[in-house]
Protein backbone atom coordinates (compact mmCIF):
# COMPACT_ATOMS: atom_id res chain seq x y z
CA MET A 1 44.86 142.77 62.84
CA LYS A 2 48.27 142.77 61.08
CA LYS A 3 48.81 146.41 62.03
CA LEU A 4 48.10 145.62 65.70
CA THR A 5 50.54 142.68 65.70
CA PHE A 6 53.23 144.78 64.04
CA PHE A 7 52.69 147.56 66.59
CA ILE A 8 53.02 145.12 69.55
CA LEU A 9 56.25 143.63 68.17
CA PHE A 10 57.68 147.09 67.51
CA LEU A 11 56.80 148.19 71.04
CA ALA A 12 58.44 145.08 72.58
CA ALA A 13 61.60 145.58 70.54
CA ALA A 14 61.76 149.22 71.57
CA VAL A 15 61.42 148.30 75.28
CA LEU A 16 64.19 145.67 75.04
CA LEU A 17 66.48 148.07 73.20
CA TRP A 18 65.92 150.77 75.83
CA ALA A 19 66.60 148.28 78.63
CA TRP A 20 69.82 147.11 76.99
CA TYR A 21 71.15 150.66 76.58
CA SER A 22 70.18 151.43 80.18
CA GLY A 23 72.29 148.54 81.50
CA HIS A 24 69.37 146.57 82.93
CA LEU A 25 69.91 143.41 80.89
CA VAL A 26 72.97 141.93 82.64
CA LEU A 27 74.44 138.70 81.35
CA ALA A 28 76.35 136.36 83.65
CA SER A 29 80.00 137.11 83.21
CA ALA A 30 82.67 134.44 82.92
CA PRO A 31 84.26 133.54 86.26
CA SER A 32 87.43 135.46 86.86
CA VAL A 33 90.72 133.85 87.83
CA PRO A 34 91.00 133.59 91.62
CA PRO A 35 93.28 136.31 92.95
CA SER A 36 96.61 135.06 94.21
CA GLU A 37 98.48 135.85 97.37
CA GLU A 38 102.08 135.12 98.19
CA GLU A 39 103.65 133.64 101.28
CA LEU A 40 107.18 132.68 102.23
CA VAL A 41 108.17 129.03 102.70
CA ALA A 42 111.52 127.68 103.84
CA VAL A 43 113.57 125.01 102.13
CA ARG A 44 113.48 121.93 104.38
CA ARG A 45 115.00 118.48 104.53
CA GLY A 46 112.84 115.39 104.33
CA ASP A 47 112.08 112.12 102.58
CA ILE A 48 110.30 111.93 99.23
CA SER A 49 108.83 108.95 97.42
CA VAL A 50 107.38 108.44 93.98
CA GLU A 51 104.60 105.87 93.99
CA VAL A 52 102.12 104.28 91.62
CA LEU A 53 98.75 104.03 93.36
CA ALA A 54 96.12 101.34 92.81
CA SER A 55 92.93 100.28 94.55
CA ALA A 56 92.95 96.91 96.31
CA ILE A 57 90.93 94.53 98.40
CA ILE A 58 92.07 92.45 101.36
CA THR A 59 91.57 88.77 100.56
CA PRO A 60 93.01 85.39 101.58
CA GLU A 61 95.80 84.12 99.36
CA HIS A 62 94.28 80.64 99.62
CA LYS A 63 90.68 80.12 100.66
CA LEU A 64 89.34 76.64 101.28
CA GLU A 65 85.85 75.26 101.83
CA ILE A 66 85.76 72.36 104.28
CA LYS A 67 82.99 69.81 103.81
CA PRO A 68 82.05 66.84 106.03
CA PRO A 69 83.80 63.56 105.14
CA LEU A 70 80.52 61.67 105.49
CA ALA A 71 76.79 62.31 105.61
CA GLY A 72 75.35 62.33 109.09
CA ARG A 73 75.13 64.55 112.13
CA ALA A 74 77.53 66.96 113.86
CA GLU A 75 78.04 65.75 117.44
CA SER A 76 80.29 68.65 118.53
CA VAL A 77 81.92 71.74 117.02
CA LEU A 78 85.30 72.62 118.51
CA VAL A 79 86.31 75.88 116.75
CA ASP A 80 84.72 79.24 116.01
CA ILE A 81 85.09 82.13 113.55
CA GLY A 82 88.40 83.98 113.80
CA GLN A 83 90.21 81.12 115.52
CA GLU A 84 93.65 80.10 114.25
CA VAL A 85 94.01 76.39 113.61
CA LYS A 86 96.85 74.07 112.65
CA ARG A 87 96.92 71.44 109.98
CA GLY A 88 95.39 68.20 111.31
CA GLN A 89 93.58 69.94 114.17
CA THR A 90 90.08 68.57 114.86
CA LEU A 91 87.37 71.06 113.96
CA ALA A 92 84.28 68.95 114.68
CA MET A 93 83.19 65.39 115.51
CA MET A 94 80.80 63.77 113.04
CA SER A 95 78.50 60.77 113.30
CA SER A 96 77.52 58.87 110.20
CA SER A 97 73.83 58.42 109.50
CA GLU A 98 74.06 54.80 110.80
CA ARG A 99 75.86 55.80 114.02
CA ALA A 100 73.42 58.63 114.65
CA ALA A 101 70.45 56.25 114.27
CA LEU A 102 72.10 53.60 116.49
CA LEU A 103 72.92 56.10 119.25
CA ASP A 104 69.41 57.51 119.21
CA ALA A 105 68.01 54.00 119.67
CA ALA A 106 70.53 53.28 122.48
CA ARG A 107 69.66 56.49 124.32
CA ALA A 108 66.04 55.41 124.33
CA LYS A 109 67.06 52.28 126.28
CA GLY A 110 69.00 54.21 128.92
CA PRO A 111 72.37 55.80 129.70
CA LYS A 112 74.15 52.46 130.16
CA GLU A 113 73.20 51.27 126.66
CA SER A 114 74.09 54.66 125.18
CA ALA A 115 77.53 54.70 126.86
CA PHE A 116 78.24 51.21 125.58
CA TRP A 117 77.62 52.07 121.93
CA GLU A 118 79.37 55.40 122.16
CA ASP A 119 82.50 53.59 123.40
CA ILE A 120 82.37 50.96 120.67
CA TYR A 121 81.24 53.13 117.74
CA LYS A 122 83.51 56.19 117.64
CA PRO A 123 82.64 59.40 115.74
CA ALA A 124 84.72 60.56 112.77
CA PRO A 125 86.81 63.75 113.18
CA LEU A 126 86.60 66.65 110.73
CA VAL A 127 90.16 68.04 110.57
CA ALA A 128 91.81 71.20 109.17
CA PRO A 129 93.67 70.49 105.90
CA LEU A 130 96.15 73.37 106.43
CA ASP A 131 97.27 76.08 108.85
CA GLY A 132 95.03 79.12 108.81
CA VAL A 133 92.10 80.99 110.27
CA ILE A 134 88.44 80.04 110.33
CA ILE A 135 86.64 82.85 108.49
CA SER A 136 83.19 81.22 108.23
CA ARG A 137 81.31 78.52 110.14
CA THR A 138 77.91 77.12 109.26
CA LEU A 139 78.06 73.93 111.32
CA VAL A 140 76.34 73.70 114.71
CA PRO A 141 76.05 70.70 117.07
CA GLY A 142 73.19 68.41 116.16
CA GLN A 143 72.98 69.61 112.55
CA VAL A 144 72.35 66.96 109.91
CA VAL A 145 74.61 67.42 106.88
CA THR A 146 75.60 65.83 103.60
CA THR A 147 78.98 65.59 101.98
CA THR A 148 78.17 68.58 99.74
CA ASP A 149 77.41 71.00 102.59
CA VAL A 150 80.10 73.56 103.52
CA ALA A 151 80.88 73.26 107.23
CA PHE A 152 83.76 75.76 107.47
CA ILE A 153 85.67 78.21 105.29
CA MET A 154 89.26 78.87 106.23
CA SER A 155 92.14 80.91 104.82
CA ASP A 156 95.87 80.72 105.29
CA HIS A 157 96.84 84.42 105.46
CA LEU A 158 95.54 87.73 104.16
CA ILE A 159 97.05 89.63 101.27
CA ALA A 160 96.22 92.87 99.45
CA GLN A 161 95.14 92.18 95.88
CA ALA A 162 95.53 95.33 93.80
CA SER A 163 93.84 96.02 90.48
CA MET A 164 96.53 97.52 88.23
CA ASP A 165 95.80 99.31 84.97
CA GLU A 166 97.71 97.88 82.00
CA THR A 167 99.40 101.23 81.38
CA ASP A 168 101.01 101.07 84.85
CA LEU A 169 101.78 97.35 84.86
CA ALA A 170 105.26 97.90 83.40
CA LYS A 171 106.16 99.90 86.53
CA VAL A 172 105.54 96.92 88.84
CA PHE A 173 107.89 93.98 89.41
CA LEU A 174 108.19 91.01 91.78
CA GLY A 175 109.70 91.90 95.13
CA GLN A 176 108.93 95.59 94.72
CA GLU A 177 108.26 97.46 97.96
CA ALA A 178 104.69 98.59 98.52
CA ILE A 179 102.63 100.33 101.18
CA VAL A 180 99.13 99.04 101.95
CA THR A 181 96.66 101.50 103.49
CA LEU A 182 93.28 100.24 104.63
CA ASP A 183 90.41 102.65 104.03
CA SER A 184 89.16 101.98 107.58
CA TYR A 185 92.60 102.69 109.13
CA PRO A 186 94.25 105.39 106.97
CA ASP A 187 96.73 106.34 109.71
CA GLN A 188 98.24 102.84 109.98
CA PRO A 189 100.10 101.98 106.74
CA ILE A 190 101.41 98.44 106.33
CA LYS A 191 104.67 97.53 104.61
CA GLY A 192 104.62 94.81 102.00
CA ALA A 193 106.09 93.51 98.76
CA VAL A 194 104.78 92.33 95.40
CA SER A 195 104.50 88.53 95.46
CA LYS A 196 102.51 87.74 92.30
CA ILE A 197 101.54 89.47 89.05
CA ALA A 198 98.67 88.00 87.03
CA TYR A 199 99.28 86.96 83.42
CA ASN A 200 95.62 87.14 82.47
CA GLY A 201 93.88 90.53 82.48
CA VAL A 202 90.24 91.42 83.01
CA THR A 203 88.59 93.89 80.63
CA THR A 204 85.71 95.99 81.93
CA SER A 205 84.27 98.93 79.97
CA ASN A 206 87.26 98.80 77.57
CA VAL A 207 89.70 99.07 80.49
CA THR A 208 92.06 96.14 81.07
CA THR A 209 93.38 95.53 84.58
CA TYR A 210 95.66 92.91 86.12
CA ALA A 211 95.63 91.50 89.64
CA VAL A 212 98.81 92.17 91.62
CA ASP A 213 99.20 90.39 94.97
CA VAL A 214 101.01 92.22 97.76
CA THR A 215 102.13 90.17 100.76
CA MET A 216 102.14 92.23 103.96
CA GLU A 217 105.11 91.90 106.32
CA LYS A 218 102.81 91.71 109.33
CA VAL A 219 99.06 91.36 109.01
CA PRO A 220 97.45 93.54 111.70
CA GLU A 221 94.73 92.13 113.90
CA PHE A 222 92.20 94.66 112.60
CA ALA A 223 92.57 93.48 108.99
CA ARG A 224 89.57 91.55 107.70
CA SER A 225 88.86 89.76 104.44
CA GLY A 226 86.87 91.99 102.09
CA MET A 227 88.23 95.32 103.36
CA THR A 228 89.03 97.92 100.71
CA ALA A 229 92.49 99.45 100.58
CA SER A 230 94.93 101.37 98.42
CA VAL A 231 98.43 100.22 97.52
CA GLY A 232 101.34 102.50 96.73
CA PHE A 233 104.02 100.76 94.68
CA LEU A 234 107.32 102.44 95.47
CA MET A 235 109.11 103.57 92.31
CA GLU A 236 111.86 105.69 93.84
CA HIS A 237 112.66 106.94 97.31
CA LYS A 238 115.18 109.45 98.65
CA LYS A 239 115.94 110.34 102.24
CA GLN A 240 116.81 113.70 103.74
CA VAL A 241 116.86 115.78 100.58
CA LEU A 242 116.02 119.47 100.16
CA LEU A 243 112.31 119.97 99.52
CA LEU A 244 109.95 122.77 98.51
CA PRO A 245 106.24 122.82 97.74
CA VAL A 246 105.65 122.28 94.02
CA ASP A 247 103.89 125.64 93.67
CA ALA A 248 107.02 127.45 94.85
CA VAL A 249 108.90 126.46 91.68
CA THR A 250 107.93 127.70 88.23
CA LYS A 251 107.79 125.61 85.07
CA ASP A 252 111.12 127.15 84.06
CA GLU A 253 112.65 125.87 87.33
CA GLU A 254 112.89 129.28 88.92
CA VAL A 255 112.14 130.45 92.45
CA PHE A 256 111.60 133.96 93.77
CA LEU A 257 113.39 135.15 96.88
CA PRO A 258 112.48 138.24 98.89
CA SER A 259 114.62 141.27 98.18
CA THR A 260 117.02 142.59 100.79
CA ILE A 261 116.04 146.13 99.84
CA SER A 262 112.59 147.42 100.64
CA ASP A 263 110.24 148.30 97.79
CA GLU A 264 112.25 146.16 95.39
CA GLU A 265 110.88 143.30 93.28
CA PRO A 266 111.61 139.69 94.40
CA ARG A 267 114.80 138.17 93.04
CA ALA A 268 114.51 135.24 90.63
CA ARG A 269 116.95 132.36 90.94
CA LYS A 270 117.46 129.31 88.76
CA VAL A 271 117.31 125.93 90.52
CA THR A 272 117.63 122.28 89.55
CA THR A 273 114.86 119.92 90.58
CA GLY A 274 114.62 116.17 91.06
CA LEU A 275 111.83 113.91 92.27
CA SER A 276 108.29 115.16 92.79
CA ASP A 277 105.35 113.42 94.46
CA GLY A 278 102.80 116.03 93.39
CA LYS A 279 102.99 117.94 96.67
CA SER A 280 106.71 118.44 97.24
CA ILE A 281 109.62 118.67 94.85
CA GLU A 282 113.31 117.91 95.38
CA ILE A 283 115.83 120.75 94.98
CA THR A 284 119.18 119.35 93.87
CA SER A 285 121.00 122.67 93.42
CA GLY A 286 120.45 126.41 93.63
CA LEU A 287 119.16 126.64 97.22
CA SER A 288 120.32 125.70 100.68
CA GLU A 289 118.37 124.54 103.70
CA GLY A 290 116.52 127.32 105.51
CA GLU A 291 116.35 129.78 102.61
CA ARG A 292 112.90 131.22 102.10
CA VAL A 293 111.13 131.65 98.78
CA PHE A 294 107.75 132.88 97.68
CA ARG A 295 104.91 130.43 97.24
CA SER A 296 101.67 131.28 95.46
CA THR A 297 98.45 130.45 97.23
CA TYR A 298 94.97 130.94 95.93
CA ARG A 299 91.75 132.05 97.55
CA LEU A 300 88.25 131.70 96.18
CA PRO A 301 86.70 134.71 94.49
CA GLU A 302 84.06 136.59 96.42
CA LYS A 303 80.50 135.80 95.58
CA LYS A 304 78.79 138.53 93.60
CA SER A 305 75.10 138.97 93.24
CA HIS A 306 73.78 138.91 89.69
CA GLU A 307 71.23 141.39 88.51
CA GLY A 308 68.42 140.45 86.19
CA PHE A 309 66.22 142.22 83.75
CA SER A 310 64.24 145.20 84.99
CA LEU A 311 62.22 147.91 83.29
CA LEU A 312 62.62 150.35 86.18
CA PRO A 313 65.24 153.09 85.80
CA ARG A 314 68.57 152.38 87.46
CA PRO A 315 69.68 154.88 90.13
CA LYS A 316 72.83 156.74 89.22
CA GLN A 317 75.96 155.62 91.05
CA VAL A 318 78.49 158.05 92.49
CA ARG A 319 82.14 157.00 92.12
CA GLY A 320 84.70 157.34 94.85
CA ASN A 321 83.94 159.52 97.85
CA ALA A 322 82.29 162.21 95.80
CA THR A 323 78.89 163.38 96.99
CA PRO A 324 76.12 164.26 94.60
CA LYS A 325 75.87 167.97 93.91
CA PRO A 326 72.72 169.54 95.35
CA SER A 327 70.30 171.00 92.86
CA PRO A 328 70.55 174.77 92.64
CA SER A 329 67.94 176.63 94.68
CA PRO A 330 65.66 179.05 92.85
CA PRO A 331 66.65 182.73 93.04
CA PRO A 332 64.87 184.82 95.73
CA GLU A 333 61.86 186.77 94.63
CA PRO A 334 62.41 190.51 94.43
């Protein structure tokens, strides 16, 4: 039995060794670096900004729950969701529990009796405590409520509340310019400024963040409370400077210009750079507007099929355009 086991193992090892020498056991090779191509880009003039980005949510600066001043019944509701109201404006008319019971009894006696008591016993108004917008309404006419029920929720104006990492908090200051971009409307940025920076941070998963309020210059009509957004806090901004793509400038601050003589290598030139936003970089000296330099672009490597293990013999490959030599024909019989 031991001899049979030894023979099987020896045979398997011999087969694997033969396959390896024959090139049939192909291991996946490491991915190669994508080949690069070069294209010419021109130095252009434009604006460049350096920003610190943070995620944000659109929320009211002040949100207020409005509750009935007395327990009873809502006789009429005068406003709806999305309506702008002024401080002191009547939102609803309320009857106390006693008035509601008295009016119900008067209506049972007829319209004359009901009109008499309605004229003598006036309902109480529910008024707006500040200027703002009604963002929620739970009250409907005829609803019986208590003084703990929320009839309306209103807000004064919407702001963008950003969540800023503590490592970036030192880059933000009151009055700093900011750009708010709603995720639902990415093509309509909104100008704003930092109006409040929280003193108390919130730690989640060992990451501490601080709330930074950004007041928008003009709140668009499509903005809604609860929308997600991103805020770019403007660190530095320059107008009409010379710009190149970042991949057109090397780490040593060199660019490569096409040669004026054919079949000659590109000419390297030293430049001085300034601001960079990750896509474009400012050229402060060394180039003029309109000059063209080489830019490296990358294309994905072609997909290659991978071979696996096979015990069949591999057909011989012929390199180049050479054709396999025909086997010599046998000599003619005499």
